[in-house]
Amino acid sequence: MAGIVRKPTLLGAAIAALVLFGFLAAPLVKWAMAAEQLVADLDDYLVAITTGFTGTELLLFGSIEGDGEIVVVVHGPKEEVVVRRKDRIAGIWVNRNERRFRGVPAFYHVATSAARDTLDLPQTALARHQIGVENIRLRLKPEEDVAERQAFAEAIIRNKIRVGHYSSGPGRVEWRGGRLFRTTVLIPANVPVGTYTIETLLVQGGEVVSAQTTPLFVNKEGFGAQVFRAAHRYSAYYGLAAIFIAGFAGFSANWVFRKL
């Protein structure tokens, strides 16, 4: 006896599609609800470096839904850094060993609303979001020897802190009215140009439940920027012009002093 084959009805297909959509949309709805728990913004997205630039202070502010702690991580443009170790040989300091690191943040700053030792995050999350200078990802180039990597990596962090490009400790995120928060990011005068990334994280129950990424652009502006671009775009002509100007200034000064 042949089996009875029932053709799917339009109603059955619609129900199956709705069930499938429910399974697929549930994670998206959960993600969207988590994303709405955190809103953050900057008072200015562009830092213009002019001739008289002495540094500036940016304001990051926002609000959250519910409870939690805020962590702000600022990464500067990536760069390649060469670290050399000097040794004294026959009374003379010479470079002996060196390591080349790639993807090193040129600028780094972190701020949090919680004390550093009370931030309820596992080490995996701290490393993933690079919270704390000890968690900055400093990767050696593939051809470099991994021996004494930690010592060279610590030297990078010490030098960056010394010139003011890395913060030695976490800054403070302040609360306003229980749900509003604000913090300041100090951009020093010697800051590198490029695109910066500001990550604002909401921490609840030992995990990051929401995150927002905000771009920040640091560019040279004005006459100094034109000279900077010309020096990099037409390096040979710029060098010849610099030599001519220096020579002309020297001859002019010599002529003036002779007349005096």
C-alpha atoms as a PDB file:
ATOM      1  CA  MET A   1       0.000   0.000   0.000  1.00  0.00           C
ATOM      2  CA  ALA A   2       1.528   3.236  -1.071  1.00  0.00           C
ATOM      3  CA  GLY A   3       2.069   5.893   1.599  1.00  0.00           C
ATOM      4  CA  ILE A   4       0.113   9.086   1.534  1.00  0.00           C
ATOM      5  CA  VAL A   5       2.250  12.122   0.654  1.00  0.00           C
ATOM      6  CA  ARG A   6       0.852  15.384   1.920  1.00  0.00           C
ATOM      7  CA  LYS A   7       1.845  18.553   0.132  1.00  0.00           C
ATOM      8  CA  PRO A   8       2.928  21.368   2.461  1.00  0.00           C
ATOM      9  CA  THR A   9       0.266  23.992   2.794  1.00  0.00           C
ATOM     10  CA  LEU A  10       0.916  27.724   2.684  1.00  0.00           C
ATOM     11  CA  LEU A  11      -0.003  28.041   6.370  1.00  0.00           C
ATOM     12  CA  GLY A  12       2.440  25.334   7.411  1.00  0.00           C
ATOM     13  CA  ALA A  13       5.258  26.925   5.439  1.00  0.00           C
ATOM     14  CA  ALA A  14       4.514  30.280   7.037  1.00  0.00           C
ATOM     15  CA  ILE A  15       4.598  28.775  10.548  1.00  0.00           C
ATOM     16  CA  ALA A  16       7.897  27.024   9.834  1.00  0.00           C
ATOM     17  CA  ALA A  17       9.387  30.257   8.507  1.00  0.00           C
ATOM     18  CA  LEU A  18       8.277  32.157  11.617  1.00  0.00           C
ATOM     19  CA  VAL A  19       9.789  29.529  13.914  1.00  0.00           C
ATOM     20  CA  LEU A  20      13.078  29.611  11.985  1.00  0.00           C
ATOM     21  CA  PHE A  21      13.111  33.406  12.052  1.00  0.00           C
ATOM     22  CA  GLY A  22      12.538  33.356  15.811  1.00  0.00           C
ATOM     23  CA  PHE A  23      15.577  31.157  16.371  1.00  0.00           C
ATOM     24  CA  LEU A  24      17.753  33.309  14.116  1.00  0.00           C
ATOM     25  CA  ALA A  25      16.512  36.658  15.399  1.00  0.00           C
ATOM     26  CA  ALA A  26      16.805  35.904  19.123  1.00  0.00           C
ATOM     27  CA  PRO A  27      20.602  36.500  19.278  1.00  0.00           C
ATOM     28  CA  LEU A  28      20.221  39.668  17.207  1.00  0.00           C
ATOM     29  CA  VAL A  29      17.515  41.033  19.502  1.00  0.00           C
ATOM     30  CA  LYS A  30      19.623  40.231  22.551  1.00  0.00           C
ATOM     31  CA  TRP A  31      22.620  42.011  20.991  1.00  0.00           C
ATOM     32  CA  ALA A  32      20.518  45.057  20.086  1.00  0.00           C
ATOM     33  CA  MET A  33      19.123  45.305  23.610  1.00  0.00           C
ATOM     34  CA  ALA A  34      22.640  45.097  25.040  1.00  0.00           C
ATOM     35  CA  ALA A  35      23.881  47.739  22.614  1.00  0.00           C
ATOM     36  CA  GLU A  36      21.226  50.170  23.847  1.00  0.00           C
ATOM     37  CA  GLN A  37      22.463  49.821  27.424  1.00  0.00           C
ATOM     38  CA  LEU A  38      25.393  52.122  26.672  1.00  0.00           C
ATOM     39  CA  VAL A  39      25.562  55.465  24.856  1.00  0.00           C
ATOM     40  CA  ALA A  40      28.803  57.479  24.674  1.00  0.00           C
ATOM     41  CA  ASP A  41      30.054  60.465  22.691  1.00  0.00           C
ATOM     42  CA  LEU A  42      32.970  62.896  22.376  1.00  0.00           C
ATOM     43  CA  ASP A  43      32.822  66.672  22.538  1.00  0.00           C
ATOM     44  CA  ASP A  44      35.152  66.858  19.507  1.00  0.00           C
ATOM     45  CA  TYR A  45      36.213  64.238  16.973  1.00  0.00           C
ATOM     46  CA  LEU A  46      39.115  66.230  15.484  1.00  0.00           C
ATOM     47  CA  VAL A  47      42.278  67.479  17.168  1.00  0.00           C
ATOM     48  CA  ALA A  48      44.027  70.028  14.937  1.00  0.00           C
ATOM     49  CA  ILE A  49      47.755  70.374  15.608  1.00  0.00           C
ATOM     50  CA  THR A  50      48.924  73.849  14.651  1.00  0.00           C
ATOM     51  CA  THR A  51      52.161  75.740  15.251  1.00  0.00           C
ATOM     52  CA  GLY A  52      51.089  76.876  18.728  1.00  0.00           C
ATOM     53  CA  PHE A  53      49.527  73.570  19.806  1.00  0.00           C
ATOM     54  CA  THR A  54      50.286  72.858  23.486  1.00  0.00           C
ATOM     55  CA  GLY A  55      47.953  69.916  24.028  1.00  0.00           C
ATOM     56  CA  THR A  56      44.248  69.650  24.631  1.00  0.00           C
ATOM     57  CA  GLU A  57      41.727  67.864  26.811  1.00  0.00           C
ATOM     58  CA  LEU A  58      38.788  65.966  25.338  1.00  0.00           C
ATOM     59  CA  LEU A  59      35.552  65.183  27.148  1.00  0.00           C
ATOM     60  CA  LEU A  60      33.947  61.753  26.799  1.00  0.00           C
ATOM     61  CA  PHE A  61      30.439  61.497  28.221  1.00  0.00           C
ATOM     62  CA  GLY A  62      27.458  59.171  28.081  1.00  0.00           C
ATOM     63  CA  SER A  63      24.806  57.217  29.944  1.00  0.00           C
ATOM     64  CA  ILE A  64      23.922  53.624  30.810  1.00  0.00           C
ATOM     65  CA  GLU A  65      20.772  51.636  31.527  1.00  0.00           C
ATOM     66  CA  GLY A  66      20.926  49.717  34.796  1.00  0.00           C
ATOM     67  CA  ASP A  67      24.006  49.221  36.937  1.00  0.00           C
ATOM     68  CA  GLY A  68      27.595  48.503  36.023  1.00  0.00           C
ATOM     69  CA  GLU A  69      31.079  49.932  35.690  1.00  0.00           C
ATOM     70  CA  ILE A  70      32.498  51.930  32.787  1.00  0.00           C
ATOM     71  CA  VAL A  71      35.928  51.315  31.242  1.00  0.00           C
ATOM     72  CA  VAL A  72      37.370  53.638  28.582  1.00  0.00           C
ATOM     73  CA  VAL A  73      40.371  52.489  26.517  1.00  0.00           C
ATOM     74  CA  VAL A  74      42.080  54.842  24.038  1.00  0.00           C
ATOM     75  CA  HIS A  75      44.412  53.404  21.402  1.00  0.00           C
ATOM     76  CA  GLY A  76      46.608  55.545  19.177  1.00  0.00           C
ATOM     77  CA  PRO A  77      47.725  54.704  15.632  1.00  0.00           C
ATOM     78  CA  LYS A  78      49.755  51.520  15.222  1.00  0.00           C
ATOM     79  CA  GLU A  79      53.472  51.771  14.577  1.00  0.00           C
ATOM     80  CA  GLU A  80      56.616  49.671  14.372  1.00  0.00           C
ATOM     81  CA  VAL A  81      59.057  50.169  17.251  1.00  0.00           C
ATOM     82  CA  VAL A  82      62.700  49.119  17.435  1.00  0.00           C
ATOM     83  CA  VAL A  83      64.082  48.621  20.947  1.00  0.00           C
ATOM     84  CA  ARG A  84      67.853  48.503  21.419  1.00  0.00           C
ATOM     85  CA  ARG A  85      69.838  47.488  24.456  1.00  0.00           C
ATOM     86  CA  LYS A  86      73.101  49.275  25.201  1.00  0.00           C
ATOM     87  CA  ASP A  87      76.070  47.609  26.874  1.00  0.00           C
ATOM     88  CA  ARG A  88      79.315  49.136  28.024  1.00  0.00           C
ATOM     89  CA  ILE A  89      82.331  47.785  26.183  1.00  0.00           C
ATOM     90  CA  ALA A  90      85.819  49.176  26.955  1.00  0.00           C
ATOM     91  CA  GLY A  91      84.225  52.198  28.618  1.00  0.00           C
ATOM     92  CA  ILE A  92      81.984  52.990  25.618  1.00  0.00           C
ATOM     93  CA  TRP A  93      78.222  52.465  25.478  1.00  0.00           C
ATOM     94  CA  VAL A  94      77.267  50.636  22.258  1.00  0.00           C
ATOM     95  CA  ASN A  95      74.091  48.993  20.953  1.00  0.00           C
ATOM     96  CA  ARG A  96      74.263  45.211  21.343  1.00  0.00           C
ATOM     97  CA  ASN A  97      70.801  43.637  21.017  1.00  0.00           C
ATOM     98  CA  GLU A  98      67.575  44.859  19.463  1.00  0.00           C
ATOM     99  CA  ARG A  99      64.005  43.685  18.923  1.00  0.00           C
ATOM    100  CA  ARG A 100      61.412  44.936  16.440  1.00  0.00           C
ATOM    101  CA  PHE A 101      57.771  45.087  17.548  1.00  0.00           C
ATOM    102  CA  ARG A 102      54.818  45.620  15.215  1.00  0.00           C
ATOM    103  CA  GLY A 103      51.351  46.990  15.866  1.00  0.00           C
ATOM    104  CA  VAL A 104      52.447  49.009  18.897  1.00  0.00           C
ATOM    105  CA  PRO A 105      49.897  51.693  19.895  1.00  0.00           C
ATOM    106  CA  ALA A 106      51.565  55.088  19.594  1.00  0.00           C
ATOM    107  CA  PHE A 107      49.217  56.381  22.323  1.00  0.00           C
ATOM    108  CA  TYR A 108      47.420  54.564  25.119  1.00  0.00           C
ATOM    109  CA  HIS A 109      45.096  55.698  27.901  1.00  0.00           C
ATOM    110  CA  VAL A 110      42.649  53.859  30.132  1.00  0.00           C
ATOM    111  CA  ALA A 111      40.066  55.160  32.604  1.00  0.00           C
ATOM    112  CA  THR A 112      37.532  53.328  34.743  1.00  0.00           C
ATOM    113  CA  SER A 113      34.769  54.079  37.193  1.00  0.00           C
ATOM    114  CA  ALA A 114      35.953  51.236  39.467  1.00  0.00           C
ATOM    115  CA  ALA A 115      39.191  50.879  41.351  1.00  0.00           C
ATOM    116  CA  ARG A 116      41.744  48.874  39.378  1.00  0.00           C
ATOM    117  CA  ASP A 117      41.835  45.989  41.869  1.00  0.00           C
ATOM    118  CA  THR A 118      38.029  45.833  42.131  1.00  0.00           C
ATOM    119  CA  LEU A 119      37.227  45.707  38.400  1.00  0.00           C
ATOM    120  CA  ASP A 120      35.268  42.471  38.084  1.00  0.00           C
ATOM    121  CA  LEU A 121      36.713  41.123  34.832  1.00  0.00           C
ATOM    122  CA  PRO A 122      38.615  37.892  34.134  1.00  0.00           C
ATOM    123  CA  GLN A 123      42.123  38.022  32.723  1.00  0.00           C
ATOM    124  CA  THR A 124      40.897  36.889  29.314  1.00  0.00           C
ATOM    125  CA  ALA A 125      38.624  39.936  29.037  1.00  0.00           C
ATOM    126  CA  LEU A 126      41.376  42.281  30.274  1.00  0.00           C
ATOM    127  CA  ALA A 127      43.729  40.931  27.617  1.00  0.00           C
ATOM    128  CA  ARG A 128      41.077  40.984  24.853  1.00  0.00           C
ATOM    129  CA  HIS A 129      40.252  44.659  25.434  1.00  0.00           C
ATOM    130  CA  GLN A 130      43.845  45.606  26.442  1.00  0.00           C
ATOM    131  CA  ILE A 131      42.826  47.052  29.799  1.00  0.00           C
ATOM    132  CA  GLY A 132      46.022  48.070  31.618  1.00  0.00           C
ATOM    133  CA  VAL A 133      49.507  48.611  30.184  1.00  0.00           C
ATOM    134  CA  GLU A 134      50.447  45.051  31.137  1.00  0.00           C
ATOM    135  CA  ASN A 135      47.785  43.795  28.706  1.00  0.00           C
ATOM    136  CA  ILE A 136      48.835  45.840  25.651  1.00  0.00           C
ATOM    137  CA  ARG A 137      49.496  43.490  22.747  1.00  0.00           C
ATOM    138  CA  LEU A 138      53.144  44.004  21.790  1.00  0.00           C
ATOM    139  CA  ARG A 139      53.941  41.522  19.014  1.00  0.00           C
ATOM    140  CA  LEU A 140      57.419  40.766  17.749  1.00  0.00           C
ATOM    141  CA  LYS A 141      57.993  40.655  14.011  1.00  0.00           C
ATOM    142  CA  PRO A 142      58.130  37.054  12.719  1.00  0.00           C
ATOM    143  CA  GLU A 143      61.867  37.133  12.050  1.00  0.00           C
ATOM    144  CA  GLU A 144      62.763  38.341  15.561  1.00  0.00           C
ATOM    145  CA  ASP A 145      64.161  36.152  18.335  1.00  0.00           C
ATOM    146  CA  VAL A 146      61.672  35.657  21.187  1.00  0.00           C
ATOM    147  CA  ALA A 147      64.414  35.488  23.817  1.00  0.00           C
ATOM    148  CA  GLU A 148      64.116  38.287  26.414  1.00  0.00           C
ATOM    149  CA  ARG A 149      60.931  39.502  24.751  1.00  0.00           C
ATOM    150  CA  GLN A 150      59.401  40.622  28.063  1.00  0.00           C
ATOM    151  CA  ALA A 151      62.383  42.822  28.946  1.00  0.00           C
ATOM    152  CA  PHE A 152      62.224  44.634  25.604  1.00  0.00           C
ATOM    153  CA  ALA A 153      58.420  44.987  25.828  1.00  0.00           C
ATOM    154  CA  GLU A 154      58.707  46.555  29.283  1.00  0.00           C
ATOM    155  CA  ALA A 155      61.271  49.007  27.886  1.00  0.00           C
ATOM    156  CA  ILE A 156      58.726  50.182  25.288  1.00  0.00           C
ATOM    157  CA  ILE A 157      56.132  50.831  27.989  1.00  0.00           C
ATOM    158  CA  ARG A 158      58.632  52.693  30.200  1.00  0.00           C
ATOM    159  CA  ASN A 159      59.704  54.959  27.337  1.00  0.00           C
ATOM    160  CA  LYS A 160      56.112  55.639  26.274  1.00  0.00           C
ATOM    161  CA  ILE A 161      55.163  56.581  29.834  1.00  0.00           C
ATOM    162  CA  ARG A 162      58.229  58.825  30.115  1.00  0.00           C
ATOM    163  CA  VAL A 163      57.318  60.886  27.025  1.00  0.00           C
ATOM    164  CA  GLY A 164      53.649  61.059  28.055  1.00  0.00           C
ATOM    165  CA  HIS A 165      52.171  58.825  25.335  1.00  0.00           C
ATOM    166  CA  TYR A 166      51.074  56.105  27.795  1.00  0.00           C
ATOM    167  CA  SER A 167      49.268  56.704  31.083  1.00  0.00           C
ATOM    168  CA  SER A 168      51.085  55.165  34.036  1.00  0.00           C
ATOM    169  CA  GLY A 169      47.805  54.371  35.804  1.00  0.00           C
ATOM    170  CA  PRO A 170      44.083  54.359  35.044  1.00  0.00           C
ATOM    171  CA  GLY A 171      42.207  57.640  34.904  1.00  0.00           C
ATOM    172  CA  ARG A 172      38.893  58.242  36.604  1.00  0.00           C
ATOM    173  CA  VAL A 173      35.406  57.964  35.125  1.00  0.00           C
ATOM    174  CA  GLU A 174      33.032  60.111  37.173  1.00  0.00           C
ATOM    175  CA  TRP A 175      29.334  59.459  37.681  1.00  0.00           C
ATOM    176  CA  ARG A 176      26.687  62.171  37.415  1.00  0.00           C
ATOM    177  CA  GLY A 177      23.247  61.345  38.795  1.00  0.00           C
ATOM    178  CA  GLY A 178      23.836  57.608  38.939  1.00  0.00           C
ATOM    179  CA  ARG A 179      23.407  56.921  35.202  1.00  0.00           C
ATOM    180  CA  LEU A 180      25.432  59.655  33.490  1.00  0.00           C
ATOM    181  CA  PHE A 181      29.218  59.389  33.290  1.00  0.00           C
ATOM    182  CA  ARG A 182      32.086  61.533  32.066  1.00  0.00           C
ATOM    183  CA  THR A 183      35.862  61.396  31.790  1.00  0.00           C
ATOM    184  CA  THR A 184      38.613  63.478  30.202  1.00  0.00           C
ATOM    185  CA  VAL A 185      41.367  62.357  27.842  1.00  0.00           C
ATOM    186  CA  LEU A 186      44.525  64.470  27.815  1.00  0.00           C
ATOM    187  CA  ILE A 187      46.137  64.775  24.374  1.00  0.00           C
ATOM    188  CA  PRO A 188      49.739  65.993  24.878  1.00  0.00           C
ATOM    189  CA  ALA A 189      51.544  68.437  22.604  1.00  0.00           C
ATOM    190  CA  ASN A 190      53.878  65.764  21.184  1.00  0.00           C
ATOM    191  CA  VAL A 191      51.055  63.385  20.287  1.00  0.00           C
ATOM    192  CA  PRO A 192      51.459  61.414  17.021  1.00  0.00           C
ATOM    193  CA  VAL A 193      49.070  62.187  14.177  1.00  0.00           C
ATOM    194  CA  GLY A 194      46.681  59.561  12.881  1.00  0.00           C
ATOM    195  CA  THR A 195      43.390  57.842  13.651  1.00  0.00           C
ATOM    196  CA  TYR A 196      42.655  56.950  17.271  1.00  0.00           C
ATOM    197  CA  THR A 197      40.093  54.489  18.612  1.00  0.00           C
ATOM    198  CA  ILE A 198      38.172  55.086  21.852  1.00  0.00           C
ATOM    199  CA  GLU A 199      36.456  51.987  23.260  1.00  0.00           C
ATOM    200  CA  THR A 200      33.793  52.519  25.930  1.00  0.00           C
ATOM    201  CA  LEU A 201      32.865  49.303  27.748  1.00  0.00           C
ATOM    202  CA  LEU A 202      30.017  48.518  30.140  1.00  0.00           C
ATOM    203  CA  VAL A 203      30.926  45.818  32.661  1.00  0.00           C
ATOM    204  CA  GLN A 204      28.226  43.876  34.505  1.00  0.00           C
ATOM    205  CA  GLY A 205      28.516  40.614  36.402  1.00  0.00           C
ATOM    206  CA  GLY A 206      32.138  39.983  35.462  1.00  0.00           C
ATOM    207  CA  GLU A 207      31.711  40.435  31.702  1.00  0.00           C
ATOM    208  CA  VAL A 208      31.528  43.142  29.060  1.00  0.00           C
ATOM    209  CA  VAL A 209      27.838  43.364  28.166  1.00  0.00           C
ATOM    210  CA  SER A 210      28.000  46.383  25.844  1.00  0.00           C
ATOM    211  CA  ALA A 211      30.657  48.293  23.957  1.00  0.00           C
ATOM    212  CA  GLN A 212      30.883  51.362  21.754  1.00  0.00           C
ATOM    213  CA  THR A 213      33.765  52.418  19.515  1.00  0.00           C
ATOM    214  CA  THR A 214      34.342  56.097  18.754  1.00  0.00           C
ATOM    215  CA  PRO A 215      36.953  57.350  16.255  1.00  0.00           C
ATOM    216  CA  LEU A 216      39.215  60.320  16.968  1.00  0.00           C
ATOM    217  CA  PHE A 217      41.286  62.061  14.294  1.00  0.00           C
ATOM    218  CA  VAL A 218      44.530  63.904  15.079  1.00  0.00           C
ATOM    219  CA  ASN A 219      45.856  65.904  12.109  1.00  0.00           C
ATOM    220  CA  LYS A 220      48.349  68.645  11.452  1.00  0.00           C
ATOM    221  CA  GLU A 221      46.775  71.886  10.210  1.00  0.00           C
ATOM    222  CA  GLY A 222      48.036  75.244   8.966  1.00  0.00           C
ATOM    223  CA  PHE A 223      51.412  76.254   7.509  1.00  0.00           C
ATOM    224  CA  GLY A 224      53.299  73.715   9.604  1.00  0.00           C
ATOM    225  CA  ALA A 225      51.175  70.927   8.136  1.00  0.00           C
ATOM    226  CA  GLN A 226      51.955  72.094   4.592  1.00  0.00           C
ATOM    227  CA  VAL A 227      55.693  72.062   5.337  1.00  0.00           C
ATOM    228  CA  PHE A 228      55.363  68.619   6.926  1.00  0.00           C
ATOM    229  CA  ARG A 229      53.569  67.172   3.888  1.00  0.00           C
ATOM    230  CA  ALA A 230      56.012  68.785   1.460  1.00  0.00           C
ATOM    231  CA  ALA A 231      58.982  67.380   3.384  1.00  0.00           C
ATOM    232  CA  HIS A 232      57.564  63.854   3.073  1.00  0.00           C
ATOM    233  CA  ARG A 233      56.209  64.132  -0.475  1.00  0.00           C
ATOM    234  CA  TYR A 234      59.194  65.953  -2.026  1.00  0.00           C
ATOM    235  CA  SER A 235      61.994  64.934   0.306  1.00  0.00           C
ATOM    236  CA  ALA A 236      64.837  65.606  -2.178  1.00  0.00           C
ATOM    237  CA  TYR A 237      63.632  69.119  -3.056  1.00  0.00           C
ATOM    238  CA  TYR A 238      62.945  69.837   0.596  1.00  0.00           C
ATOM    239  CA  GLY A 239      66.514  68.848   1.508  1.00  0.00           C
ATOM    240  CA  LEU A 240      68.000  71.060  -1.194  1.00  0.00           C
ATOM    241  CA  ALA A 241      65.792  73.970  -0.149  1.00  0.00           C
ATOM    242  CA  ALA A 242      66.819  73.516   3.497  1.00  0.00           C
ATOM    243  CA  ILE A 243      70.509  73.545   2.543  1.00  0.00           C
ATOM    244  CA  PHE A 244      70.039  76.682   0.403  1.00  0.00           C
ATOM    245  CA  ILE A 245      68.140  78.520   3.149  1.00  0.00           C
ATOM    246  CA  ALA A 246      70.715  77.546   5.777  1.00  0.00           C
ATOM    247  CA  GLY A 247      73.582  78.666   3.549  1.00  0.00           C
ATOM    248  CA  PHE A 248      71.860  81.940   2.687  1.00  0.00           C
ATOM    249  CA  ALA A 249      71.163  82.623   6.364  1.00  0.00           C
ATOM    250  CA  GLY A 250      74.809  81.933   7.223  1.00  0.00           C
ATOM    251  CA  PHE A 251      76.164  84.272   4.535  1.00  0.00           C
ATOM    252  CA  SER A 252      73.676  86.968   5.508  1.00  0.00           C
ATOM    253  CA  ALA A 253      74.625  86.760   9.168  1.00  0.00           C
ATOM    254  CA  ASN A 254      78.323  86.889   8.265  1.00  0.00           C
ATOM    255  CA  TRP A 255      77.765  89.987   6.107  1.00  0.00           C
ATOM    256  CA  VAL A 256      75.811  91.741   8.878  1.00  0.00           C
ATOM    257  CA  PHE A 257      78.464  91.071  11.508  1.00  0.00           C
ATOM    258  CA  ARG A 258      81.198  92.355   9.185  1.00  0.00           C
ATOM    259  CA  LYS A 259      79.319  95.605   8.714  1.00  0.00           C
ATOM    260  CA  LEU A 260      78.972  95.950  12.455  1.00  0.00           C
END
